[in-house]
Protein backbone atom coordinates (compact mmCIF):
# COMPACT_ATOMS: atom_id res chain seq x y z
CA MET A 1 51.70 113.15 -35.56
CA ASP A 2 50.92 110.52 -33.11
CA LEU A 3 52.36 106.76 -34.04
CA GLU A 4 49.87 104.08 -32.62
CA LEU A 5 50.21 100.31 -31.89
CA VAL A 6 49.96 98.52 -34.83
CA HIS A 7 47.66 95.70 -34.34
CA THR A 8 47.85 92.37 -36.27
CA PRO A 9 44.89 92.18 -38.77
CA LEU A 10 43.18 88.98 -37.74
CA TYR A 11 39.90 89.45 -38.98
CA THR A 12 41.61 90.60 -42.19
CA GLY A 13 43.60 87.45 -42.62
CA LEU A 14 40.22 85.16 -42.04
CA THR A 15 38.62 87.21 -44.84
CA ALA A 16 41.46 87.02 -47.48
CA ALA A 17 41.72 83.10 -46.75
CA PHE A 18 37.96 82.82 -47.51
CA LEU A 19 38.38 85.14 -50.50
CA ILE A 20 41.37 83.28 -51.81
CA VAL A 21 39.52 80.07 -51.37
CA MET A 22 36.13 81.34 -53.62
CA GLN A 23 38.84 83.09 -55.89
CA VAL A 24 40.34 79.58 -56.98
CA VAL A 25 36.48 77.65 -57.51
CA LEU A 26 35.98 80.60 -59.42
CA MET A 27 39.27 80.08 -61.60
CA TYR A 28 38.28 76.46 -61.64
CA ARG A 29 34.89 77.41 -62.91
CA VAL A 30 36.43 79.28 -65.90
CA ILE A 31 39.25 76.59 -66.90
CA GLY A 32 36.96 73.69 -66.72
CA LEU A 33 34.34 75.53 -69.11
CA ARG A 34 37.46 76.44 -71.40
CA GLY A 35 38.55 72.87 -71.39
CA GLN A 36 35.06 72.09 -72.64
CA ALA A 37 34.97 74.35 -75.19
CA GLU A 38 37.93 74.17 -76.30
CA VAL A 39 39.00 77.96 -76.09
CA LEU A 40 42.73 78.67 -74.63
CA PHE A 41 42.01 82.62 -74.62
CA GLY A 42 39.19 85.21 -74.81
CA THR A 43 36.04 83.11 -75.11
CA GLY A 44 35.91 82.17 -78.61
CA GLY A 45 32.04 83.37 -78.85
CA ASN A 46 31.34 81.35 -75.94
CA GLU A 47 28.64 83.07 -73.93
CA ALA A 48 28.80 80.62 -71.16
CA LEU A 49 32.49 81.18 -70.49
CA GLU A 50 32.42 84.91 -70.94
CA GLN A 51 29.24 85.01 -68.22
CA ARG A 52 32.17 83.07 -65.67
CA GLN A 53 35.12 84.97 -66.86
CA ARG A 54 32.82 88.13 -66.01
CA VAL A 55 32.10 86.62 -62.48
CA HIS A 56 35.75 86.16 -61.76
CA GLY A 57 36.57 88.97 -63.14
CA ASN A 58 34.57 91.44 -61.48
CA PHE A 59 35.38 89.51 -58.10
CA ILE A 60 39.10 90.79 -59.22
CA GLU A 61 38.35 93.73 -59.57
CA ASN A 62 36.87 94.45 -56.32
CA VAL A 63 38.16 92.22 -53.59
CA PRO A 64 42.23 93.62 -53.68
CA THR A 65 40.70 97.26 -52.99
CA PHE A 66 38.54 95.93 -50.31
CA LEU A 67 41.21 93.85 -48.90
CA ILE A 68 43.74 96.46 -48.41
CA GLY A 69 41.30 98.73 -46.60
CA LEU A 70 39.88 96.14 -44.62
CA ALA A 71 43.75 95.64 -43.49
CA LEU A 72 44.50 99.07 -42.77
CA ILE A 73 41.47 99.86 -40.70
CA GLU A 74 42.42 96.62 -38.67
CA LEU A 75 46.31 97.57 -38.22
CA MET A 76 44.69 100.79 -37.12
CA VAL A 77 42.05 99.99 -34.43
CA GLY A 78 42.52 96.69 -33.77
CA SER A 79 40.48 93.14 -34.30
CA THR A 80 37.24 94.85 -33.16
CA LEU A 81 33.64 93.06 -33.79
CA TRP A 82 33.05 96.13 -36.41
CA VAL A 83 35.75 94.62 -38.44
CA LEU A 84 34.60 91.83 -38.50
CA VAL A 85 30.84 92.72 -39.33
CA LEU A 86 32.54 94.80 -42.42
CA ALA A 87 34.01 91.84 -43.25
CA GLY A 88 31.21 89.17 -43.03
CA VAL A 89 29.30 91.50 -45.09
CA PHE A 90 31.77 91.99 -47.96
CA VAL A 91 31.90 88.22 -47.88
CA VAL A 92 27.99 87.51 -48.18
CA SER A 93 28.02 90.53 -50.54
CA ARG A 94 30.89 88.30 -53.01
CA ILE A 95 29.11 85.32 -52.52
CA ALA A 96 25.35 86.47 -53.84
CA HIS A 97 26.97 88.56 -56.76
CA ALA A 98 29.08 85.50 -57.97
CA ILE A 99 25.70 82.82 -57.70
CA GLY A 100 23.54 85.85 -58.92
CA LEU A 101 25.96 86.81 -62.27
CA GLY A 102 26.49 83.40 -62.33
CA MET A 103 22.70 82.47 -63.18
CA SER A 104 22.24 84.93 -65.61
CA THR A 105 23.87 88.22 -67.37
CA GLY A 106 20.52 89.93 -66.24
CA VAL A 107 19.49 91.82 -63.16
CA THR A 108 18.91 88.96 -60.62
CA PRO A 109 18.72 89.95 -56.59
CA GLY A 110 21.70 87.80 -55.62
CA ARG A 111 23.78 90.24 -58.01
CA LEU A 112 21.75 93.39 -56.96
CA VAL A 113 22.05 92.35 -53.39
CA GLY A 114 25.80 91.62 -53.98
CA THR A 115 26.53 94.66 -55.96
CA LEU A 116 24.52 97.16 -53.55
CA GLY A 117 26.56 95.53 -50.55
CA THR A 118 30.43 95.49 -52.16
CA MET A 119 29.23 98.95 -52.81
CA ILE A 120 28.32 100.00 -49.41
CA CYS A 121 31.09 98.02 -47.61
CA MET A 122 33.65 99.43 -49.75
CA VAL A 123 32.32 103.22 -49.30
CA VAL A 124 31.94 102.42 -45.30
CA ALA A 125 35.66 101.31 -44.94
CA ALA A 126 36.73 104.24 -46.81
CA GLY A 127 35.08 106.91 -45.52
CA TYR A 128 36.29 104.98 -41.95
CA LEU A 129 39.96 105.20 -43.02
CA ALA A 130 39.85 108.81 -43.91
CA TYR A 131 38.38 109.39 -40.38
CA LEU A 132 40.77 107.43 -38.88
CA VAL A 133 43.71 109.12 -40.77
CA ILE A 134 42.31 112.38 -40.73
CA ASP A 135 42.10 112.16 -36.96
CA GLN A 136 45.94 111.31 -36.64
CA LEU A 137 46.91 114.12 -38.76
């Protein structure tokens, strides 16, 4: 096995910083509605609170896995334009999904674009990461 130089994950760091701020915004929206609805745990049957919790929950379900994959790719290949584009598409997809699901629990253009964009980015990251690792074996 050939050990390569480890690169500083600059684009992953920038992406993580943006996504952390986005997570805080989503948390704040849940906390604010909890205060208004006087619900300390769960949703208390409040549909708007359930919707905001799902927006935040979906974000939390997808972002960490993608960031780990992106960081590993960037550590292996460096801060390339390809890494930046993949990160950018993922961030835009997460924004679209949060807006789309925040507007309606049904199918919305934002939710559809956000879901597809997120899935495509994750599959591409997984495939490229597997390719990079297998190439080193």
